[in-house]
Amino acid sequence: RDSAARERMRKAGAGRTVPVLVEDGVVTRVGWQGRG
């Protein structure tokens, strides 16, 4: 729903899989327990 958020997620280097957890601008988790 939020294209600006999608772009921020991609710029952080997360790709096209959610969920993505970003801490202080650094991607710390992509997916949850091996799934996304």
Full PDB file with SEQRES, HELIX, SHEET, SSBOND, CRYST1, ORIGX, SCALE, CONECT and MASTER records, all heavy atoms in Angstrom:
SEQRES   1 A   36  ARG ASP SER ALA ALA ARG GLU ARG MET ARG LYS ALA GLY          
SEQRES   2 A   36  ALA GLY ARG THR VAL PRO VAL LEU VAL GLU ASP GLY VAL          
SEQRES   3 A   36  VAL THR ARG VAL GLY TRP GLN GLY ARG GLY                      
HELIX    1 AA1 SER A    3  LYS A   11  1                                   9    
SHEET    1 AA1 2 VAL A  20  GLU A  23  0                                        
SHEET    2 AA1 2 VAL A  26  VAL A  30 -1                                        
CRYST1    1.000    1.000    1.000  90.00  90.00  90.00 P 1           1          
ORIGX1      1.000000  0.000000  0.000000        0.00000                         
ORIGX2      0.000000  1.000000  0.000000        0.00000                         
ORIGX3      0.000000  0.000000  1.000000        0.00000                         
SCALE1      1.000000  0.000000  0.000000        0.00000                         
SCALE2      0.000000  1.000000  0.000000        0.00000                         
SCALE3      0.000000  0.000000  1.000000        0.00000                         
ATOM      1  N   ARG A   1       0.811  -1.228   0.000  1.00  0.00           N  
ATOM      2  CA  ARG A   1       0.000   0.000   0.000  1.00  0.00           C  
ATOM      3  C   ARG A   1       0.840   1.271   0.000  1.00  0.00           C  
ATOM      4  O   ARG A   1       0.338   2.337  -0.318  1.00  0.00           O  
ATOM      5  CB  ARG A   1      -0.907   0.014   1.212  1.00  0.00           C  
ATOM      6  CG  ARG A   1      -1.912  -1.091   1.182  1.00  0.00           C  
ATOM      7  CD  ARG A   1      -2.787  -1.066   2.376  1.00  0.00           C  
ATOM      8  NE  ARG A   1      -3.703  -2.199   2.318  1.00  0.00           N  
ATOM      9  CZ  ARG A   1      -4.749  -2.331   3.069  1.00  0.00           C  
ATOM     10  NH1 ARG A   1      -5.039  -1.419   3.960  1.00  0.00           N  
ATOM     11  NH2 ARG A   1      -5.515  -3.388   2.957  1.00  0.00           N  
ATOM     12  N   ASP A   2       2.090   1.162   0.385  1.00  0.00           N  
ATOM     13  CA  ASP A   2       2.951   2.331   0.559  1.00  0.00           C  
ATOM     14  C   ASP A   2       4.183   2.198  -0.347  1.00  0.00           C  
ATOM     15  O   ASP A   2       5.150   1.530   0.002  1.00  0.00           O  
ATOM     16  CB  ASP A   2       3.367   2.420   2.032  1.00  0.00           C  
ATOM     17  CG  ASP A   2       4.172   3.652   2.374  1.00  0.00           C  
ATOM     18  OD1 ASP A   2       4.703   4.310   1.457  1.00  0.00           O  
ATOM     19  OD2 ASP A   2       4.279   3.946   3.578  1.00  0.00           O  
ATOM     20  N   SER A   3       4.114   2.835  -1.516  1.00  0.00           N  
ATOM     21  CA  SER A   3       5.209   2.704  -2.485  1.00  0.00           C  
ATOM     22  C   SER A   3       6.512   3.327  -1.973  1.00  0.00           C  
ATOM     23  O   SER A   3       7.597   2.843  -2.292  1.00  0.00           O  
ATOM     24  CB  SER A   3       4.819   3.310  -3.832  1.00  0.00           C  
ATOM     25  OG  SER A   3       4.523   4.685  -3.697  1.00  0.00           O  
ATOM     26  N   ALA A   4       6.423   4.371  -1.173  1.00  0.00           N  
ATOM     27  CA  ALA A   4       7.638   4.979  -0.609  1.00  0.00           C  
ATOM     28  C   ALA A   4       8.319   4.003   0.355  1.00  0.00           C  
ATOM     29  O   ALA A   4       9.547   3.882   0.367  1.00  0.00           O  
ATOM     30  CB  ALA A   4       7.305   6.286   0.096  1.00  0.00           C  
ATOM     31  N   ALA A   5       7.524   3.293   1.143  1.00  0.00           N  
ATOM     32  CA  ALA A   5       8.079   2.293   2.063  1.00  0.00           C  
ATOM     33  C   ALA A   5       8.711   1.150   1.280  1.00  0.00           C  
ATOM     34  O   ALA A   5       9.786   0.653   1.638  1.00  0.00           O  
ATOM     35  CB  ALA A   5       7.001   1.770   2.995  1.00  0.00           C  
ATOM     36  N   ARG A   6       8.055   0.717   0.212  1.00  0.00           N  
ATOM     37  CA  ARG A   6       8.613  -0.347  -0.629  1.00  0.00           C  
ATOM     38  C   ARG A   6       9.967   0.071  -1.192  1.00  0.00           C  
ATOM     39  O   ARG A   6      10.920  -0.699  -1.199  1.00  0.00           O  
ATOM     40  CB  ARG A   6       7.632  -0.695  -1.751  1.00  0.00           C  
ATOM     41  CG  ARG A   6       8.098  -1.855  -2.608  1.00  0.00           C  
ATOM     42  CD  ARG A   6       7.043  -2.316  -3.612  1.00  0.00           C  
ATOM     43  NE  ARG A   6       6.507  -1.227  -4.417  1.00  0.00           N  
ATOM     44  CZ  ARG A   6       5.247  -0.782  -4.341  1.00  0.00           C  
ATOM     45  NH1 ARG A   6       4.400  -1.326  -3.492  1.00  0.00           N  
ATOM     46  NH2 ARG A   6       4.851   0.195  -5.115  1.00  0.00           N  
ATOM     47  N   GLU A   7      10.069   1.314  -1.619  1.00  0.00           N  
ATOM     48  CA  GLU A   7      11.334   1.811  -2.160  1.00  0.00           C  
ATOM     49  C   GLU A   7      12.407   1.886  -1.072  1.00  0.00           C  
ATOM     50  O   GLU A   7      13.566   1.536  -1.309  1.00  0.00           O  
ATOM     51  CB  GLU A   7      11.123   3.180  -2.811  1.00  0.00           C  
ATOM     52  CG  GLU A   7      12.332   3.702  -3.528  1.00  0.00           C  
ATOM     53  CD  GLU A   7      12.813   2.796  -4.656  1.00  0.00           C  
ATOM     54  OE1 GLU A   7      12.014   2.057  -5.258  1.00  0.00           O  
ATOM     55  OE2 GLU A   7      14.027   2.818  -4.943  1.00  0.00           O  
ATOM     56  N   ARG A   8      12.062   2.313   0.135  1.00  0.00           N  
ATOM     57  CA  ARG A   8      13.027   2.338   1.244  1.00  0.00           C  
ATOM     58  C   ARG A   8      13.517   0.927   1.565  1.00  0.00           C  
ATOM     59  O   ARG A   8      14.699   0.706   1.800  1.00  0.00           O  
ATOM     60  CB  ARG A   8      12.410   2.955   2.499  1.00  0.00           C  
ATOM     61  CG  ARG A   8      12.280   4.449   2.470  1.00  0.00           C  
ATOM     62  CD  ARG A   8      11.984   5.049   3.833  1.00  0.00           C  
ATOM     63  NE  ARG A   8      10.869   4.437   4.533  1.00  0.00           N  
ATOM     64  CZ  ARG A   8       9.588   4.761   4.370  1.00  0.00           C  
ATOM     65  NH1 ARG A   8       9.251   5.699   3.490  1.00  0.00           N  
ATOM     66  NH2 ARG A   8       8.652   4.158   5.080  1.00  0.00           N  
ATOM     67  N   MET A   9      12.599  -0.024   1.544  1.00  0.00           N  
ATOM     68  CA  MET A   9      12.962  -1.417   1.811  1.00  0.00           C  
ATOM     69  C   MET A   9      13.949  -1.923   0.760  1.00  0.00           C  
ATOM     70  O   MET A   9      14.952  -2.549   1.086  1.00  0.00           O  
ATOM     71  CB  MET A   9      11.700  -2.283   1.814  1.00  0.00           C  
ATOM     72  CG  MET A   9      11.954  -3.731   2.145  1.00  0.00           C  
ATOM     73  SD  MET A   9      10.459  -4.745   2.032  1.00  0.00           S  
ATOM     74  CE  MET A   9      10.480  -5.133   0.274  1.00  0.00           C  
ATOM     75  N   ARG A  10      13.677  -1.627  -0.485  1.00  0.00           N  
ATOM     76  CA  ARG A  10      14.570  -2.065  -1.567  1.00  0.00           C  
ATOM     77  C   ARG A  10      15.933  -1.382  -1.480  1.00  0.00           C  
ATOM     78  O   ARG A  10      16.967  -2.015  -1.692  1.00  0.00           O  
ATOM     79  CB  ARG A  10      13.930  -1.802  -2.912  1.00  0.00           C  
ATOM     80  CG  ARG A  10      12.814  -2.773  -3.190  1.00  0.00           C  
ATOM     81  CD  ARG A  10      12.328  -2.657  -4.599  1.00  0.00           C  
ATOM     82  NE  ARG A  10      11.275  -3.633  -4.815  1.00  0.00           N  
ATOM     83  CZ  ARG A  10      10.275  -3.464  -5.642  1.00  0.00           C  
ATOM     84  NH1 ARG A  10      10.185  -2.361  -6.344  1.00  0.00           N  
ATOM     85  NH2 ARG A  10       9.366  -4.395  -5.788  1.00  0.00           N  
ATOM     86  N   LYS A  11      15.949  -0.091  -1.167  1.00  0.00           N  
ATOM     87  CA  LYS A  11      17.217   0.633  -1.039  1.00  0.00           C  
ATOM     88  C   LYS A  11      18.055   0.091   0.109  1.00  0.00           C  
ATOM     89  O   LYS A  11      19.274   0.159   0.074  1.00  0.00           O  
ATOM     90  CB  LYS A  11      16.974   2.126  -0.861  1.00  0.00           C  
ATOM     91  CG  LYS A  11      16.608   2.814  -2.139  1.00  0.00           C  
ATOM     92  CD  LYS A  11      16.482   4.302  -1.955  1.00  0.00           C  
ATOM     93  CE  LYS A  11      16.160   4.947  -3.293  1.00  0.00           C  
ATOM     94  NZ  LYS A  11      16.023   6.395  -3.178  1.00  0.00           N  
ATOM     95  N   ALA A  12      17.388  -0.457   1.124  1.00  0.00           N  
ATOM     96  CA  ALA A  12      18.116  -1.062   2.245  1.00  0.00           C  
ATOM     97  C   ALA A  12      18.744  -2.386   1.825  1.00  0.00           C  
ATOM     98  O   ALA A  12      19.573  -2.937   2.552  1.00  0.00           O  
ATOM     99  CB  ALA A  12      17.180  -1.262   3.433  1.00  0.00           C  
ATOM    100  N   GLY A  13      18.348  -2.893   0.645  1.00  0.00           N  
ATOM    101  CA  GLY A  13      18.941  -4.123   0.134  1.00  0.00           C  
ATOM    102  C   GLY A  13      18.136  -5.370   0.431  1.00  0.00           C  
ATOM    103  O   GLY A  13      18.675  -6.475   0.399  1.00  0.00           O  
ATOM    104  N   ALA A  14      16.846  -5.222   0.686  1.00  0.00           N  
ATOM    105  CA  ALA A  14      16.034  -6.358   1.110  1.00  0.00           C  
ATOM    106  C   ALA A  14      15.460  -7.184  -0.039  1.00  0.00           C  
ATOM    107  O   ALA A  14      15.060  -8.300   0.168  1.00  0.00           O  
ATOM    108  CB  ALA A  14      14.904  -5.878   2.011  1.00  0.00           C  
ATOM    109  N   GLY A  15      15.375  -6.653  -1.224  1.00  0.00           N  
ATOM    110  CA  GLY A  15      14.817  -7.414  -2.329  1.00  0.00           C  
ATOM    111  C   GLY A  15      13.305  -7.406  -2.356  1.00  0.00           C  
ATOM    112  O   GLY A  15      12.676  -6.418  -2.006  1.00  0.00           O  
ATOM    113  N   ARG A  16      12.699  -8.558  -2.707  1.00  0.00           N  
ATOM    114  CA  ARG A  16      11.250  -8.636  -2.915  1.00  0.00           C  
ATOM    115  C   ARG A  16      10.570  -9.616  -1.973  1.00  0.00           C  
ATOM    116  O   ARG A  16       9.495 -10.121  -2.278  1.00  0.00           O  
ATOM    117  CB  ARG A  16      10.976  -9.041  -4.360  1.00  0.00           C  
ATOM    118  CG  ARG A  16      11.457  -8.010  -5.363  1.00  0.00           C  
ATOM    119  CD  ARG A  16      11.162  -8.413  -6.782  1.00  0.00           C  
ATOM    120  NE  ARG A  16       9.781  -8.859  -6.911  1.00  0.00           N  
ATOM    121  CZ  ARG A  16       9.404  -9.832  -7.709  1.00  0.00           C  
ATOM    122  NH1 ARG A  16      10.261 -10.477  -8.440  1.00  0.00           N  
ATOM    123  NH2 ARG A  16       8.127 -10.176  -7.787  1.00  0.00           N  
ATOM    124  N   THR A  17      11.167  -9.914  -0.853  1.00  0.00           N  
ATOM    125  CA  THR A  17      10.577 -10.838   0.109  1.00  0.00           C  
ATOM    126  C   THR A  17      10.276 -10.107   1.405  1.00  0.00           C  
ATOM    127  O   THR A  17      11.088  -9.314   1.879  1.00  0.00           O  
ATOM    128  CB  THR A  17      11.543 -12.012   0.394  1.00  0.00           C  
ATOM    129  OG1 THR A  17      11.807 -12.703  -0.832  1.00  0.00           O  
ATOM    130  CG2 THR A  17      10.954 -12.985   1.391  1.00  0.00           C  
ATOM    131  N   VAL A  18       9.101 -10.366   1.964  1.00  0.00           N  
ATOM    132  CA  VAL A  18       8.728  -9.816   3.272  1.00  0.00           C  
ATOM    133  C   VAL A  18       8.426 -10.973   4.199  1.00  0.00           C  
ATOM    134  O   VAL A  18       8.126 -12.073   3.733  1.00  0.00           O  
ATOM    135  CB  VAL A  18       7.501  -8.875   3.169  1.00  0.00           C  
ATOM    136  CG1 VAL A  18       7.837  -7.640   2.378  1.00  0.00           C  
ATOM    137  CG2 VAL A  18       6.271  -9.573   2.588  1.00  0.00           C  
ATOM    138  N   PRO A  19       8.500 -10.770   5.471  1.00  0.00           N  
ATOM    139  CA  PRO A  19       8.780  -9.526   6.179  1.00  0.00           C  
ATOM    140  C   PRO A  19      10.269  -9.193   6.166  1.00  0.00           C  
ATOM    141  O   PRO A  19      11.124 -10.061   5.994  1.00  0.00           O  
ATOM    142  CB  PRO A  19       8.309  -9.818   7.603  1.00  0.00           C  
ATOM    143  CG  PRO A  19       8.514 -11.288   7.764  1.00  0.00           C  
ATOM    144  CD  PRO A  19       8.213 -11.876   6.414  1.00  0.00           C  
ATOM    145  N   VAL A  20      10.536  -7.911   6.383  1.00  0.00           N  
ATOM    146  CA  VAL A  20      11.904  -7.414   6.485  1.00  0.00           C  
ATOM    147  C   VAL A  20      12.002  -6.590   7.763  1.00  0.00           C  
ATOM    148  O   VAL A  20      11.162  -5.730   8.019  1.00  0.00           O  
ATOM    149  CB  VAL A  20      12.274  -6.536   5.272  1.00  0.00           C  
ATOM    150  CG1 VAL A  20      13.640  -5.901   5.451  1.00  0.00           C  
ATOM    151  CG2 VAL A  20      12.220  -7.358   3.985  1.00  0.00           C  
ATOM    152  N   LEU A  21      13.026  -6.866   8.532  1.00  0.00           N  
ATOM    153  CA  LEU A  21      13.286  -6.116   9.748  1.00  0.00           C  
ATOM    154  C   LEU A  21      14.539  -5.281   9.521  1.00  0.00           C  
ATOM    155  O   LEU A  21      15.587  -5.815   9.121  1.00  0.00           O  
ATOM    156  CB  LEU A  21      13.485  -7.072  10.929  1.00  0.00           C  
ATOM    157  CG  LEU A  21      13.447  -6.451  12.312  1.00  0.00           C  
ATOM    158  CD1 LEU A  21      12.093  -5.811  12.596  1.00  0.00           C  
ATOM    159  CD2 LEU A  21      13.763  -7.501  13.362  1.00  0.00           C  
ATOM    160  N   VAL A  22      14.424  -3.974   9.747  1.00  0.00           N  
ATOM    161  CA  VAL A  22      15.542  -3.049   9.566  1.00  0.00           C  
ATOM    162  C   VAL A  22      15.799  -2.365  10.899  1.00  0.00           C  
ATOM    163  O   VAL A  22      14.876  -1.823  11.512  1.00  0.00           O  
ATOM    164  CB  VAL A  22      15.217  -1.998   8.473  1.00  0.00           C  
ATOM    165  CG1 VAL A  22      16.348  -0.998   8.339  1.00  0.00           C  
ATOM    166  CG2 VAL A  22      14.934  -2.681   7.143  1.00  0.00           C  
ATOM    167  N   GLU A  23      17.042  -2.429  11.345  1.00  0.00           N  
ATOM    168  CA  GLU A  23      17.420  -1.793  12.602  1.00  0.00           C  
ATOM    169  C   GLU A  23      18.497  -0.757  12.323  1.00  0.00           C  
ATOM    170  O   GLU A  23      19.555  -1.092  11.794  1.00  0.00           O  
ATOM    171  CB  GLU A  23      17.915  -2.838  13.596  1.00  0.00           C  
ATOM    172  CG  GLU A  23      16.823  -3.856  13.937  1.00  0.00           C  
ATOM    173  CD  GLU A  23      17.285  -4.904  14.921  1.00  0.00           C  
ATOM    174  OE1 GLU A  23      17.793  -4.514  15.990  1.00  0.00           O  
ATOM    175  OE2 GLU A  23      17.144  -6.096  14.605  1.00  0.00           O  
ATOM    176  N   ASP A  24      18.188   0.487  12.644  1.00  0.00           N  
ATOM    177  CA  ASP A  24      19.094   1.613  12.380  1.00  0.00           C  
ATOM    178  C   ASP A  24      19.606   1.605  10.945  1.00  0.00           C  
ATOM    179  O   ASP A  24      20.785   1.807  10.679  1.00  0.00           O  
ATOM    180  CB  ASP A  24      20.257   1.615  13.369  1.00  0.00           C  
ATOM    181  CG  ASP A  24      19.828   2.056  14.762  1.00  0.00           C  
ATOM    182  OD1 ASP A  24      18.817   2.785  14.875  1.00  0.00           O  
ATOM    183  OD2 ASP A  24      20.500   1.669  15.740  1.00  0.00           O  
ATOM    184  N   GLY A  25      18.698   1.351   9.993  1.00  0.00           N  
ATOM    185  CA  GLY A  25      19.032   1.407   8.580  1.00  0.00           C  
ATOM    186  C   GLY A  25      19.690   0.172   8.010  1.00  0.00           C  
ATOM    187  O   GLY A  25      20.020   0.130   6.824  1.00  0.00           O  
ATOM    188  N   VAL A  26      19.874  -0.866   8.825  1.00  0.00           N  
ATOM    189  CA  VAL A  26      20.538  -2.089   8.375  1.00  0.00           C  
ATOM    190  C   VAL A  26      19.537  -3.247   8.420  1.00  0.00           C  
ATOM    191  O   VAL A  26      18.888  -3.472   9.439  1.00  0.00           O  
ATOM    192  CB  VAL A  26      21.754  -2.422   9.274  1.00  0.00           C  
ATOM    193  CG1 VAL A  26      22.400  -3.730   8.868  1.00  0.00           C  
ATOM    194  CG2 VAL A  26      22.761  -1.283   9.238  1.00  0.00           C  
ATOM    195  N   VAL A  27      19.444  -3.982   7.316  1.00  0.00           N  
ATOM    196  CA  VAL A  27      18.559  -5.141   7.270  1.00  0.00           C  
ATOM    197  C   VAL A  27      19.135  -6.215   8.190  1.00  0.00           C  
ATOM    198  O   VAL A  27      20.264  -6.649   8.020  1.00  0.00           O  
ATOM    199  CB  VAL A  27      18.415  -5.691   5.834  1.00  0.00           C  
ATOM    200  CG1 VAL A  27      17.606  -6.974   5.825  1.00  0.00           C  
ATOM    201  CG2 VAL A  27      17.790  -4.648   4.921  1.00  0.00           C  
ATOM    202  N   THR A  28      18.343  -6.627   9.177  1.00  0.00           N  
ATOM    203  CA  THR A  28      18.794  -7.647  10.114  1.00  0.00           C  
ATOM    204  C   THR A  28      18.048  -8.964   9.956  1.00  0.00           C  
ATOM    205  O   THR A  28      18.482  -9.986  10.500  1.00  0.00           O  
ATOM    206  CB  THR A  28      18.648  -7.162  11.574  1.00  0.00           C  
ATOM    207  OG1 THR A  28      17.283  -6.828  11.816  1.00  0.00           O  
ATOM    208  CG2 THR A  28      19.550  -5.970  11.842  1.00  0.00           C  
ATOM    209  N   ARG A  29      16.940  -8.934   9.227  1.00  0.00           N  
ATOM    210  CA  ARG A  29      16.181 -10.168   9.028  1.00  0.00           C  
ATOM    211  C   ARG A  29      15.322 -10.016   7.775  1.00  0.00           C  
ATOM    212  O   ARG A  29      14.652  -9.011   7.594  1.00  0.00           O  
ATOM    213  CB  ARG A  29      15.275 -10.420  10.234  1.00  0.00           C  
ATOM    214  CG  ARG A  29      14.499 -11.710  10.174  1.00  0.00           C  
ATOM    215  CD  ARG A  29      13.588 -11.888  11.387  1.00  0.00           C  
ATOM    216  NE  ARG A  29      14.318 -11.886  12.633  1.00  0.00           N  
ATOM    217  CZ  ARG A  29      14.756 -12.975  13.255  1.00  0.00           C  
ATOM    218  NH1 ARG A  29      14.554 -14.154  12.724  1.00  0.00           N  
ATOM    219  NH2 ARG A  29      15.385 -12.877  14.411  1.00  0.00           N  
ATOM    220  N   VAL A  30      15.353 -11.051   6.927  1.00  0.00           N  
ATOM    221  CA  VAL A  30      14.455 -11.137   5.780  1.00  0.00           C  
ATOM    222  C   VAL A  30      13.715 -12.461   5.917  1.00  0.00           C  
ATOM    223  O   VAL A  30      14.337 -13.513   6.026  1.00  0.00           O  
ATOM    224  CB  VAL A  30      15.212 -11.083   4.437  1.00  0.00           C  
ATOM    225  CG1 VAL A  30      14.249 -11.277   3.266  1.00  0.00           C  
ATOM    226  CG2 VAL A  30      15.974  -9.773   4.295  1.00  0.00           C  
ATOM    227  N   GLY A  31      12.401 -12.387   5.946  1.00  0.00           N  
ATOM    228  CA  GLY A  31      11.600 -13.578   6.169  1.00  0.00           C  
ATOM    229  C   GLY A  31      11.477 -13.853   7.659  1.00  0.00           C  
ATOM    230  O   GLY A  31      11.987 -13.115   8.502  1.00  0.00           O  
ATOM    231  N   TRP A  32      10.775 -14.941   7.956  1.00  0.00           N  
ATOM    232  CA  TRP A  32      10.586 -15.327   9.341  1.00  0.00           C  
ATOM    233  C   TRP A  32      10.703 -16.840   9.417  1.00  0.00           C  
ATOM    234  O   TRP A  32       9.955 -17.565   8.765  1.00  0.00           O  
ATOM    235  CB  TRP A  32       9.228 -14.858   9.847  1.00  0.00           C  
ATOM    236  CG  TRP A  32       8.910 -15.317  11.216  1.00  0.00           C  
ATOM    237  CD1 TRP A  32       7.933 -16.195  11.588  1.00  0.00           C  
ATOM    238  CD2 TRP A  32       9.593 -14.943  12.427  1.00  0.00           C  
ATOM    239  NE1 TRP A  32       7.959 -16.384  12.938  1.00  0.00           N  
ATOM    240  CE2 TRP A  32       8.969 -15.631  13.485  1.00  0.00           C  
ATOM    241  CE3 TRP A  32      10.665 -14.113  12.718  1.00  0.00           C  
ATOM    242  CZ2 TRP A  32       9.383 -15.508  14.813  1.00  0.00           C  
ATOM    243  CZ3 TRP A  32      11.075 -13.985  14.033  1.00  0.00           C  
ATOM    244  CH2 TRP A  32      10.440 -14.668  15.066  1.00  0.00           C  
ATOM    245  N   GLN A  33      11.679 -17.294  10.175  1.00  0.00           N  
ATOM    246  CA  GLN A  33      11.932 -18.722  10.375  1.00  0.00           C  
ATOM    247  C   GLN A  33      12.045 -19.464   9.047  1.00  0.00           C  
ATOM    248  O   GLN A  33      11.483 -20.533   8.846  1.00  0.00           O  
ATOM    249  CB  GLN A  33      10.873 -19.337  11.279  1.00  0.00           C  
ATOM    250  CG  GLN A  33      10.907 -18.720  12.669  1.00  0.00           C  
ATOM    251  CD  GLN A  33       9.930 -19.357  13.625  1.00  0.00           C  
ATOM    252  OE1 GLN A  33       8.980 -20.010  13.254  1.00  0.00           O  
ATOM    253  NE2 GLN A  33      10.187 -19.129  14.917  1.00  0.00           N  
ATOM    254  N   GLY A  34      12.794 -18.854   8.137  1.00  0.00           N  
ATOM    255  CA  GLY A  34      13.070 -19.479   6.842  1.00  0.00           C  
ATOM    256  C   GLY A  34      11.980 -19.339   5.803  1.00  0.00           C  
ATOM    257  O   GLY A  34      12.095 -19.912   4.721  1.00  0.00           O  
ATOM    258  N   ARG A  35      10.957 -18.562   6.102  1.00  0.00           N  
ATOM    259  CA  ARG A  35       9.854 -18.395   5.157  1.00  0.00           C  
ATOM    260  C   ARG A  35       9.555 -16.924   4.943  1.00  0.00           C  
ATOM    261  O   ARG A  35       9.799 -16.106   5.826  1.00  0.00           O  
ATOM    262  CB  ARG A  35       8.613 -19.102   5.676  1.00  0.00           C  
ATOM    263  CG  ARG A  35       8.806 -20.590   5.783  1.00  0.00           C  
ATOM    264  CD  ARG A  35       7.509 -21.255   6.090  1.00  0.00           C  
ATOM    265  NE  ARG A  35       7.685 -22.685   5.924  1.00  0.00           N  
ATOM    266  CZ  ARG A  35       7.283 -23.568   6.819  1.00  0.00           C  
ATOM    267  NH1 ARG A  35       6.681 -23.176   7.906  1.00  0.00           N  
ATOM    268  NH2 ARG A  35       7.461 -24.845   6.593  1.00  0.00           N  
ATOM    269  N   GLY A  36       8.981 -16.622   3.798  1.00  0.00           N  
ATOM    270  CA  GLY A  36       8.595 -15.255   3.505  1.00  0.00           C  
ATOM    271  C   GLY A  36       7.585 -15.232   2.377  1.00  0.00           C  
ATOM    272  O   GLY A  36       7.254 -16.276   1.795  1.00  0.00           O  
TER     273      GLY A  36                                                      
MASTER        0    0    0    1    2    0    0    6  272    1    0    3          
END                                                                             
